[in-house]
């Protein structure tokens, strides 16, 4: 066991207050609009979402981890990619929450949080989640592979938590689904580990459309 292992476990823990549980990643809209009505439909949604994270978010994580000094430029690229206003707002809020929580938990992250505030004052800087995640993990000395694994794990865990709170499945079934989807997490990690910013793609356009109608739902548990 290394200090990296324990830092990763802390950051990946569901109790780490990074703001992810305020969002459903479009799942709430999918449930309300009838796109997810069965366990099979939920499983299909989860699989598509994990693949989308690999192609549409992981390259930003990797780039920011490799080139933290280019954080602002990578954040700007992420802003251009996330044209869905609901998903963009969620990404911004979660990135800000992640840095704020990390600054209280880790001395090494205090300067990073201060830098983010300075960048926001100086110009357009959205603190999107994926670049923030990559820069934070690099600052804390976690490897690229650990960073990518942590991000993918968090994305799936957040969706399953939302599914439980929406009543789509129970907590035990959520754990079963998570376990069965571990091979997919590994597959996506391997396939997307070396992707660059020019490789970013939207592979689940229906999810993007569903997420965009969140603000117009009559009742909402989540912000996205």
Foldseek 3Di string as FASTA:
>chain_A
DDPLVVVLCVLLDPPQFLPLLQAQLLVVLCVVVVQDDAPVSLLVVLLLQLLLCLQAQLQLLLVCLVCVVCLQVSQVLNLVSLPLVLLLLSQLSSLLSSLVSVVVVDVLSVVVNVVQVVVVVVDDGRSGNRSSLNNVCSSVPHDLLSSLLSVSSNSLVSNLSVCCVVVVDHPVVSVVSSVVCVVVSVVSCVVRSPDHSVRRDRRCVVSSVSSSCQVVDPDDSHSD
